[in-house]
Protein backbone atom coordinates (compact mmCIF):
# COMPACT_ATOMS: atom_id res chain seq x y z
CA UNK A 1 -6.06 -17.39 52.51
CA UNK A 2 -3.26 -19.49 51.51
CA UNK A 3 -0.76 -18.06 53.75
CA UNK A 4 -2.62 -18.13 56.93
CA UNK A 5 -3.99 -14.65 57.05
CA UNK A 6 -7.30 -13.48 55.53
CA UNK A 7 -5.31 -10.03 54.61
CA UNK A 8 -2.21 -11.36 53.26
CA UNK A 9 -2.96 -10.84 49.79
CA UNK A 10 -2.93 -7.02 50.41
CA UNK A 11 0.65 -7.38 51.20
CA UNK A 12 2.08 -8.81 47.81
CA UNK A 13 1.37 -9.51 44.43
CA UNK A 14 0.44 -13.28 43.43
CA UNK A 15 3.13 -13.47 40.85
CA UNK A 16 5.54 -12.60 43.54
CA UNK A 17 6.63 -15.33 45.88
CA UNK A 18 7.82 -14.61 49.88
CA UNK A 19 11.37 -14.16 48.93
CA UNK A 20 10.74 -11.37 45.91
CA UNK A 21 11.33 -13.92 43.68
CA UNK A 22 9.14 -14.41 40.12
CA UNK A 23 6.36 -16.86 41.05
CA UNK A 24 5.14 -18.90 37.88
CA UNK A 25 1.50 -19.22 37.37
CA UNK A 26 0.19 -22.46 36.50
CA UNK A 27 -3.30 -22.37 36.04
CA UNK A 28 -5.87 -25.27 36.27
CA UNK A 29 -7.25 -25.94 32.62
CA UNK A 30 -10.69 -24.08 32.69
CA UNK A 31 -13.86 -25.56 31.84
CA UNK A 32 -17.62 -24.71 31.43
CA UNK A 33 -20.25 -22.75 29.81
CA UNK A 34 -18.41 -19.23 29.93
CA UNK A 35 -15.15 -20.90 28.56
CA UNK A 36 -16.66 -22.16 25.74
CA UNK A 37 -18.28 -18.72 24.97
CA UNK A 38 -15.24 -17.04 25.27
CA UNK A 39 -13.65 -19.97 22.72
CA UNK A 40 -16.10 -19.28 20.30
CA UNK A 41 -15.56 -15.55 20.27
CA UNK A 42 -11.81 -15.78 20.33
CA UNK A 43 -11.98 -17.96 17.34
CA UNK A 44 -14.08 -14.89 15.70
CA UNK A 45 -11.70 -12.39 16.80
CA UNK A 46 -8.66 -14.60 15.45
CA UNK A 47 -10.09 -15.54 11.93
CA UNK A 48 -11.00 -11.24 11.80
CA UNK A 49 -7.04 -10.86 12.89
CA UNK A 50 -5.68 -12.65 10.59
CA UNK A 51 -8.39 -12.37 7.79
CA UNK A 52 -8.81 -8.97 7.35
CA UNK A 53 -5.49 -7.99 5.92
CA UNK A 54 -6.18 -10.19 3.04
CA UNK A 55 -9.40 -7.98 2.25
CA UNK A 56 -9.21 -5.48 -0.61
CA UNK A 57 -11.88 -3.11 -2.00
CA UNK A 58 -11.03 -2.04 -5.55
CA UNK A 59 -7.55 -3.37 -5.30
CA UNK A 60 -6.80 -1.46 -1.93
CA UNK A 61 -6.69 -2.99 1.49
CA UNK A 62 -9.62 -3.13 3.80
CA UNK A 63 -8.11 -2.05 6.86
CA UNK A 64 -5.02 -0.27 7.17
CA UNK A 65 -3.17 1.47 10.57
CA UNK A 66 0.09 3.01 8.66
CA UNK A 67 0.84 5.27 11.63
CA UNK A 68 4.23 5.93 10.50
CA UNK A 69 2.81 7.66 7.02
CA UNK A 70 -0.30 8.83 8.70
CA UNK A 71 -2.29 6.90 6.11
CA UNK A 72 -5.25 5.03 7.49
CA UNK A 73 -7.67 3.25 5.36
CA UNK A 74 -10.93 1.89 7.24
CA UNK A 75 -13.61 -0.02 5.68
CA UNK A 76 -12.22 0.54 2.74
CA UNK A 77 -12.30 4.16 2.59
CA UNK A 78 -9.21 6.39 2.97
CA UNK A 79 -8.09 8.82 5.59
CA UNK A 80 -5.19 10.79 5.81
CA UNK A 81 -3.53 13.70 7.73
CA UNK A 82 -6.43 16.21 6.36
CA UNK A 83 -8.78 14.04 8.49
CA UNK A 84 -7.01 14.33 11.71
CA UNK A 85 -9.91 16.22 13.27
CA UNK A 86 -12.26 12.81 13.07
CA UNK A 87 -9.07 11.28 14.48
CA UNK A 88 -8.85 13.48 17.64
CA UNK A 89 -12.80 13.28 17.80
CA UNK A 90 -12.81 9.45 17.35
CA UNK A 91 -10.01 9.05 20.06
CA UNK A 92 -12.08 11.16 22.77
CA UNK A 93 -15.03 9.34 22.10
CA UNK A 94 -13.11 5.86 22.42
CA UNK A 95 -11.69 7.32 25.93
CA UNK A 96 -15.20 8.21 27.26
CA UNK A 97 -16.50 4.77 26.07
CA UNK A 98 -13.86 3.13 27.72
CA UNK A 99 -14.59 5.09 30.99
CA UNK A 100 -18.55 4.45 30.86
CA UNK A 101 -17.91 0.84 30.06
CA UNK A 102 -15.40 0.38 32.80
CA UNK A 103 -17.82 2.05 35.37
CA UNK A 104 -20.68 -0.11 34.39
CA UNK A 105 -19.10 -3.21 33.47
CA UNK A 106 -15.32 -3.39 34.90
CA UNK A 107 -12.79 -5.18 32.85
CA UNK A 108 -15.09 -7.37 31.02
CA UNK A 109 -13.06 -6.22 27.96
CA UNK A 110 -9.83 -7.81 29.03
CA UNK A 111 -11.41 -10.87 29.94
CA UNK A 112 -13.31 -11.10 26.64
CA UNK A 113 -11.59 -9.25 23.85
CA UNK A 114 -8.27 -8.17 24.85
CA UNK A 115 -5.60 -9.79 22.01
CA UNK A 116 -3.09 -10.32 25.13
CA UNK A 117 -5.94 -12.32 26.88
CA UNK A 118 -7.06 -14.23 23.87
CA UNK A 119 -3.46 -15.17 22.74
CA UNK A 120 -2.62 -16.15 26.26
CA UNK A 121 -5.63 -18.23 27.35
CA UNK A 122 -6.62 -19.29 24.36
CA UNK A 123 -3.66 -19.96 21.91
CA UNK A 124 -0.43 -20.37 24.19
CA UNK A 125 -1.92 -21.83 27.44
CA UNK A 126 -3.41 -24.40 25.08
CA UNK A 127 0.21 -25.35 23.93
CA UNK A 128 1.18 -25.64 27.29
CA UNK A 129 -1.84 -28.23 28.15
CA UNK A 130 -0.85 -30.18 24.73
CA UNK A 131 2.78 -30.65 25.03
CA UNK A 132 3.90 -30.46 29.15
CA UNK A 133 0.03 -31.52 30.19
CA UNK A 134 -1.90 -30.35 33.31
CA UNK A 135 -1.04 -27.59 35.45
CA UNK A 136 0.58 -29.93 38.02
CA UNK A 137 2.75 -31.69 35.30
CA UNK A 138 4.11 -28.25 33.91
CA UNK A 139 5.14 -27.28 37.30
CA UNK A 140 6.82 -30.56 37.81
CA UNK A 141 8.40 -30.38 34.30
CA UNK A 142 9.95 -26.79 35.50
CA UNK A 143 11.49 -27.96 38.86
CA UNK A 144 12.69 -31.42 37.29
CA UNK A 145 16.75 -31.45 36.04
CA UNK A 146 17.13 -31.47 32.42
CA UNK A 147 16.66 -34.65 30.78
CA UNK A 148 16.20 -35.69 27.22
CA UNK A 149 12.51 -36.03 27.50
CA UNK A 150 12.44 -32.37 29.14
CA UNK A 151 14.30 -31.04 26.48
CA UNK A 152 12.14 -32.36 23.55
CA UNK A 153 9.14 -30.91 25.39
CA UNK A 154 10.94 -27.82 26.11
CA UNK A 155 11.99 -27.33 22.74
CA UNK A 156 9.02 -28.40 21.10
CA UNK A 157 6.93 -25.54 23.25
CA UNK A 158 9.83 -22.99 22.41
CA UNK A 159 9.59 -23.97 18.56
CA UNK A 160 5.90 -23.72 18.56
CA UNK A 161 5.59 -20.58 20.39
CA UNK A 162 8.27 -18.61 18.10
CA UNK A 163 6.26 -19.85 14.85
CA UNK A 164 3.04 -18.55 15.98
CA UNK A 165 4.87 -15.18 17.42
CA UNK A 166 6.47 -14.89 13.98
CA UNK A 167 3.00 -15.23 12.50
CA UNK A 168 1.63 -12.71 14.90
CA UNK A 169 4.45 -10.31 13.98
CA UNK A 170 4.10 -10.59 10.32
CA UNK A 171 -0.23 -9.92 10.66
CA UNK A 172 0.78 -7.17 13.10
CA UNK A 173 3.03 -5.63 10.24
CA UNK A 174 0.36 -6.35 7.43
CA UNK A 175 -1.91 -4.23 9.16
CA UNK A 176 0.67 -1.15 9.48
CA UNK A 177 2.07 -1.70 5.71
CA UNK A 178 -0.49 -3.88 3.82
CA UNK A 179 -0.51 -7.65 2.97
CA UNK A 180 1.21 -6.46 -0.68
CA UNK A 181 3.88 -4.96 0.79
CA UNK A 182 4.85 -7.29 3.57
CA UNK A 183 4.13 -10.36 0.59
CA UNK A 184 7.18 -8.11 -1.10
CA UNK A 185 9.55 -7.92 1.80
CA UNK A 186 9.22 -11.77 2.15
CA UNK A 187 9.63 -12.73 -1.53
CA UNK A 188 12.26 -10.27 -2.49
CA UNK A 189 16.07 -10.95 -1.32
CA UNK A 190 16.61 -9.72 2.48
CA UNK A 191 18.98 -7.16 1.48
CA UNK A 192 16.20 -5.50 -0.79
CA UNK A 193 14.33 -4.28 2.41
CA UNK A 194 16.40 -4.18 5.88
CA UNK A 195 14.17 -2.27 7.32
CA UNK A 196 11.02 -4.25 6.94
CA UNK A 197 12.92 -7.24 7.87
CA UNK A 198 13.92 -5.37 10.99
CA UNK A 199 10.38 -4.65 11.48
CA UNK A 200 9.19 -8.27 10.78
CA UNK A 201 11.82 -10.03 13.68
CA UNK A 202 11.50 -7.08 15.70
CA UNK A 203 7.53 -7.55 16.01
CA UNK A 204 8.01 -11.36 15.99
CA UNK A 205 10.78 -10.82 18.97
CA UNK A 206 8.34 -8.94 20.91
CA UNK A 207 5.58 -11.21 21.03
CA UNK A 208 7.41 -14.34 21.37
CA UNK A 209 9.07 -12.40 24.62
CA UNK A 210 5.59 -11.48 25.73
CA UNK A 211 4.06 -15.05 25.46
CA UNK A 212 7.34 -17.42 26.78
CA UNK A 213 8.31 -14.96 29.59
CA UNK A 214 6.25 -12.06 30.38
CA UNK A 215 2.89 -13.62 30.13
CA UNK A 216 0.42 -12.52 32.77
CA UNK A 217 2.62 -9.58 33.96
CA UNK A 218 1.75 -7.76 30.98
CA UNK A 219 -1.68 -7.47 32.44
CA UNK A 220 -0.89 -7.10 36.15
CA UNK A 221 2.45 -4.65 35.91
CA UNK A 222 2.43 -2.93 32.52
CA UNK A 223 -1.56 -2.66 31.01
CA UNK A 224 -2.68 1.27 31.92
CA UNK A 225 -6.16 -0.41 31.49
CA UNK A 226 -6.03 -2.26 34.45
CA UNK A 227 -4.69 0.72 36.67
CA UNK A 228 -7.38 2.62 35.72
CA UNK A 229 -10.00 0.19 37.50
CA UNK A 230 -8.90 1.98 41.00
CA UNK A 231 -10.46 5.35 39.93
CA UNK A 232 -13.44 4.00 37.64
CA UNK A 233 -14.66 1.21 39.57
CA UNK A 234 -17.57 1.98 42.22
CA UNK A 235 -19.79 -0.51 44.45
CA UNK A 236 -22.42 -0.31 41.54
CA UNK A 237 -20.17 -1.74 38.71
CA UNK A 238 -20.50 -5.01 37.25
CA UNK A 239 -17.23 -7.06 38.29
CA UNK A 240 -16.70 -10.67 38.66
CA UNK A 241 -17.84 -11.18 42.56
CA UNK A 242 -17.90 -13.76 45.36
CA UNK A 243 -21.17 -13.71 47.11
CA UNK A 244 -19.79 -13.39 50.61
CA UNK A 245 -23.32 -13.39 52.17
CA UNK A 246 -24.18 -17.04 50.84
CA UNK A 247 -20.90 -18.20 50.98
CA UNK A 248 -19.23 -17.25 54.16
CA UNK A 249 -18.37 -18.97 56.70
CA UNK A 250 -16.48 -21.34 53.95
CA UNK A 251 -15.56 -24.69 55.23
CA UNK A 252 -14.49 -28.07 53.97
CA UNK A 253 -17.34 -30.77 52.75
CA UNK A 254 -17.28 -33.87 55.05
CA UNK A 255 -19.37 -36.79 54.67
CA UNK A 256 -22.24 -37.40 57.49
CA UNK A 257 -21.92 -34.15 59.08
CA UNK A 258 -24.61 -31.26 59.88
CA UNK A 259 -22.99 -28.53 57.62
CA UNK A 260 -23.52 -25.38 59.54
CA UNK A 261 -21.29 -23.51 56.89
CA UNK A 262 -22.10 -21.27 53.86
CA UNK A 263 -22.02 -22.46 50.65
CA UNK A 264 -18.29 -22.30 49.80
CA UNK A 265 -16.63 -25.42 50.89
CA UNK A 266 -13.14 -24.12 50.32
CA UNK A 267 -12.02 -26.27 47.57
CA UNK A 268 -10.31 -23.59 46.15
CA UNK A 269 -10.28 -24.47 42.75
CA UNK A 270 -11.47 -21.09 41.98
CA UNK A 271 -7.93 -20.18 43.17
CA UNK A 272 -6.25 -23.05 40.86
CA UNK A 273 -7.86 -21.75 37.55
CA UNK A 274 -7.35 -18.04 37.94
CA UNK A 275 -4.28 -17.06 35.47
CA UNK A 276 -3.14 -14.17 37.33
CA UNK A 277 -2.98 -16.05 40.51
CA UNK A 278 -5.45 -14.12 42.68
CA UNK A 279 -8.03 -15.48 45.16
CA UNK A 280 -11.48 -13.86 43.97
CA UNK A 281 -12.95 -14.42 47.36
CA UNK A 282 -10.96 -11.60 48.75
CA UNK A 283 -12.91 -9.22 46.82
CA UNK A 284 -12.30 -7.29 43.50
CA UNK A 285 -8.54 -7.08 42.78
CA UNK A 286 -6.61 -5.04 40.01
CA UNK A 287 -5.06 -8.31 39.03
CA UNK A 288 -8.25 -9.79 37.96
CA UNK A 289 -8.81 -9.71 34.13
CA UNK A 290 -12.55 -11.23 34.33
CA UNK A 291 -11.89 -14.28 32.55
CA UNK A 292 -14.52 -16.03 34.06
CA UNK A 293 -12.57 -19.11 34.85
CA UNK A 294 -13.37 -18.84 38.45
CA UNK A 295 -17.14 -19.02 37.80
CA UNK A 296 -16.75 -22.06 35.65
CA UNK A 297 -14.93 -23.65 38.42
CA UNK A 298 -17.22 -22.91 41.10
CA UNK A 299 -20.28 -23.60 39.01
CA UNK A 300 -19.17 -26.96 38.55
CA UNK A 301 -18.26 -27.65 42.09
CA UNK A 302 -21.92 -26.10 43.69
CA UNK A 303 -23.60 -28.71 40.93
CA UNK A 304 -21.58 -31.41 42.10
CA UNK A 305 -22.73 -30.60 46.09
CA UNK A 306 -26.17 -29.81 44.98
CA UNK A 307 -25.80 -26.49 45.62
CA UNK A 308 -27.31 -23.17 43.09
CA UNK A 309 -24.70 -22.17 40.60
CA UNK A 310 -23.90 -18.31 41.11
CA UNK A 311 -21.71 -18.22 44.14
CA UNK A 312 -19.41 -16.49 41.79
CA UNK A 313 -20.47 -14.55 39.01
CA UNK A 314 -20.80 -10.89 37.49
CA UNK A 315 -22.58 -9.02 39.74
CA UNK A 316 -21.76 -5.55 41.80
CA UNK A 317 -20.50 -5.37 45.34
CA UNK A 318 -23.48 -3.14 45.90
CA UNK A 319 -25.83 -5.77 44.45
CA UNK A 320 -24.49 -8.66 46.63
CA UNK A 321 -24.77 -6.34 49.79
CA UNK A 322 -28.26 -5.72 49.10
CA UNK A 323 -29.46 -8.63 47.20
CA UNK A 324 -30.54 -6.62 43.81
CA UNK A 325 -29.45 -6.45 40.49
CA UNK A 326 -27.92 -3.47 38.47
CA UNK A 327 -29.45 -0.28 38.84
CA UNK A 328 -28.72 3.08 37.12
CA UNK A 329 -26.73 6.08 38.66
CA UNK A 330 -26.51 9.56 38.05
CA UNK A 331 -22.73 8.84 37.11
CA UNK A 332 -23.65 6.11 34.81
CA UNK A 333 -26.38 8.24 33.21
CA UNK A 334 -23.98 11.44 32.68
CA UNK A 335 -21.40 9.35 30.94
CA UNK A 336 -24.17 7.87 28.56
CA UNK A 337 -25.64 11.12 27.59
CA UNK A 338 -22.03 12.75 26.49
CA UNK A 339 -21.03 9.21 24.95
CA UNK A 340 -24.42 9.63 22.83
CA UNK A 341 -23.84 12.96 22.13
CA UNK A 342 -19.91 12.02 20.85
CA UNK A 343 -21.43 9.24 18.93
CA UNK A 344 -24.08 11.58 17.07
CA UNK A 345 -21.46 14.05 16.22
CA UNK A 346 -18.96 11.50 15.08
CA UNK A 347 -21.46 9.99 12.65
CA UNK A 348 -22.66 13.24 11.14
CA UNK A 349 -19.13 14.09 10.59
CA UNK A 350 -18.75 10.82 8.74
CA UNK A 351 -21.83 10.79 6.87
CA UNK A 352 -21.20 14.32 5.64
CA UNK A 353 -17.41 13.57 4.62
CA UNK A 354 -17.08 14.35 1.14
CA UNK A 355 -14.30 12.51 -1.17
CA UNK A 356 -13.04 15.95 -2.69
CA UNK A 357 -13.00 19.15 -0.54
CA UNK A 358 -13.21 22.34 -2.83
CA UNK A 359 -12.64 26.04 -0.89
CA UNK A 360 -13.01 29.08 -2.81
CA UNK A 361 -11.89 32.20 -1.21
CA UNK A 362 -11.61 35.62 -2.94
CA UNK A 363 -8.03 36.78 -2.85
CA UNK A 364 -7.46 39.21 0.12
CA UNK A 365 -6.35 42.44 -0.96
CA UNK A 366 -7.68 42.29 -4.83
CA UNK A 367 -10.46 44.21 -5.96
CA UNK A 368 -12.26 44.23 -9.00
CA UNK A 369 -10.36 44.80 -12.49
CA UNK A 370 -12.26 46.02 -15.63
CA UNK A 371 -11.18 44.36 -19.02
CA UNK A 372 -11.23 45.78 -22.45
CA UNK A 373 -13.89 43.57 -23.64
CA UNK A 374 -16.40 45.15 -21.15
CA UNK A 375 -16.11 42.31 -18.69
CA UNK A 376 -15.19 42.49 -15.10
CA UNK A 377 -12.95 40.26 -13.11
CA UNK A 378 -12.14 39.11 -9.70
CA UNK A 379 -8.95 36.66 -8.60
CA UNK A 380 -9.95 33.58 -6.18
CA UNK A 381 -7.70 31.57 -4.27
CA UNK A 382 -9.16 27.71 -5.05
CA UNK A 383 -7.75 25.02 -2.55
CA UNK A 384 -8.71 21.11 -3.55
CA UNK A 385 -7.88 18.35 -1.22
CA UNK A 386 -8.73 14.77 -3.12
CA UNK A 387 -9.33 11.89 -0.63
CA UNK A 388 -9.76 9.36 -2.92
CA UNK A 389 -7.19 6.46 -3.98
CA UNK A 390 -6.72 7.95 -7.51
CA UNK A 391 -6.04 11.59 -9.37
CA UNK A 392 -8.69 13.49 -9.66
CA UNK A 393 -9.49 16.17 -12.41
CA UNK A 394 -11.80 19.00 -11.42
CA UNK A 395 -13.76 21.47 -13.28
CA UNK A 396 -15.34 24.86 -12.48
CA UNK A 397 -17.92 26.51 -14.09
CA UNK A 398 -20.76 29.11 -12.89
CA UNK A 399 -24.43 28.20 -12.49
CA UNK A 400 -27.21 30.31 -13.29
CA UNK A 401 -25.03 33.32 -14.43
CA UNK A 402 -23.12 34.84 -17.30
CA UNK A 403 -19.41 34.43 -17.02
CA UNK A 404 -16.53 32.41 -17.53
CA UNK A 405 -14.14 30.78 -15.15
CA UNK A 406 -10.57 30.57 -15.95
CA UNK A 407 -7.72 28.71 -14.15
CA UNK A 408 -4.44 30.77 -13.83
CA UNK A 409 -2.07 27.67 -14.40
CA UNK A 410 -2.46 24.18 -15.29
CA UNK A 411 -5.64 22.44 -15.27
CA UNK A 412 -7.18 21.21 -11.94
CA UNK A 413 -5.83 17.53 -11.68
CA UNK A 414 -5.08 16.78 -7.73
CA UNK A 415 -3.01 13.38 -7.19
CA UNK A 416 -4.40 10.90 -4.64
CA UNK A 417 -4.30 11.83 -1.23
CA UNK A 418 -2.95 15.36 -2.28
CA UNK A 419 -3.71 18.82 -2.13
CA UNK A 420 -3.58 21.42 -5.11
CA UNK A 421 -3.68 25.32 -4.75
CA UNK A 422 -4.16 27.45 -7.59
CA UNK A 423 -5.81 31.12 -8.69
CA UNK A 424 -8.78 31.31 -10.70
CA UNK A 425 -10.05 34.44 -12.53
CA UNK A 426 -13.82 34.79 -12.91
CA UNK A 427 -14.91 37.08 -15.48
CA UNK A 428 -18.84 38.45 -15.81
CA UNK A 429 -20.00 40.61 -18.08
CA UNK A 430 -20.47 44.01 -16.76
CA UNK A 431 -24.12 44.21 -17.73
CA UNK A 432 -24.93 41.10 -15.60
CA UNK A 433 -23.97 42.53 -12.23
CA UNK A 434 -26.29 43.51 -9.68
CA UNK A 435 -24.52 45.87 -7.51
CA UNK A 436 -21.28 46.51 -5.74
CA UNK A 437 -21.55 42.79 -4.74
CA UNK A 438 -23.20 39.88 -6.69
CA UNK A 439 -23.80 36.54 -5.33
CA UNK A 440 -22.43 33.74 -7.69
CA UNK A 441 -22.58 30.17 -7.71
CA UNK A 442 -19.73 27.83 -8.60
CA UNK A 443 -20.36 24.21 -9.84
CA UNK A 444 -17.47 21.72 -8.79
CA UNK A 445 -17.51 18.82 -11.25
CA UNK A 446 -15.48 15.52 -11.46
CA UNK A 447 -15.94 14.16 -15.14
CA UNK A 448 -20.07 14.14 -15.44
CA UNK A 449 -20.63 14.15 -11.68
CA UNK A 450 -21.35 17.31 -9.94
CA UNK A 451 -19.35 17.02 -6.22
CA UNK A 452 -20.62 19.99 -4.81
CA UNK A 453 -22.01 23.93 -5.03
CA UNK A 454 -20.15 26.68 -3.77
CA UNK A 455 -21.72 30.33 -2.74
CA UNK A 456 -19.46 33.25 -3.54
CA UNK A 457 -19.72 37.11 -3.96
CA UNK A 458 -18.09 38.91 -6.97
CA UNK A 459 -17.09 42.27 -6.76
CA UNK A 460 -17.72 45.07 -9.10
CA UNK A 461 -18.40 49.03 -10.13
CA UNK A 462 -22.27 48.52 -9.81
CA UNK A 463 -24.75 49.24 -12.23
CA UNK A 464 -24.65 52.96 -13.86
CA UNK A 465 -27.75 54.72 -14.49
């Protein structure tokens, strides 16, 4: 309530001043147990982000997300356009997971894992504190006239911001094209890779603009996940909440005064540390990214005034009103059941995914042919999909039956991530046929390794008595 009315926050955004201009946010540097845990997690996430592009498996990237060429490598396993059904199912599972997670835990992802929050709060704001000082010093420096000292500070900040943005942009590009191709673009003459150079500069410029100017507006104005809160959260969702029953009526703490107020001493430190400029005491707001800075600030104050921690904490609106914890609702249970089913289906599909898929179908419209040597032949269409990193030479032979398989064309060698379609001729002695339709088993092998067996039927004239 910084504008004299308890509901003033409903009329405007915290990043917009009373005249409609940009209100720059200079949050107080947070500290506390949650901030330490977020720092440790951020270090792990940053190490994974910058380290994974350098990991390889048998000379291939451990992870690659080449959207442009529809080439993906996940945990050393290649996925291509032929795995589109897995992509769709994974995407659906991810959407359901986000819905379930948001229904139960609110915007927890944004505060702890989101790359925007990790970089903004754990990297770039720390640069601000290091170069320009605390939140008050930053505000004074921005409002002060230009001097040599200000130019040096601002110049150092802009230069460091661009260097890190350039590093992030190159890392993002490495996730798309691979570290080897990125190394080639960097080491070769600039004119040799104009497209790669343009992508590198575009990525770097985008990240630089986001972190030097757009900043918290990415979470408040652009992020679609934040907008989902309005339709997904309910009174049982776990969010960062202010315990108004315990804190109200708030009032300043004065010495030698019998206190008749709630536990909130109206110090507004929870507002000072908020990176999006809101007052959490006004309740759940779309601008809140669940960064826990207000929890740490409030807990520190409560300890100093000999009050229990948790005036601001992870809780649900219903839990605060009833004084209880989390409870399972029909909505949460139904989302969980759907999510588990999707995960089971996706896991089974991934476990049963083969490196080479072979389909053998009798050619439509073709009947059997009787050969001059007493054998009967059928023509089949063969389609082979190679999902591996290297070319595959495949052979076909009959199992448990007399006969021969002839490939009509070149030997079955399939390029990496390629598809080969050929026709084969299966010849079986007439005496070996059991009727008009004889079951056959075809063994598919790659070298000495059996890939799979395929069951089909063979048409013939039948046995003559």
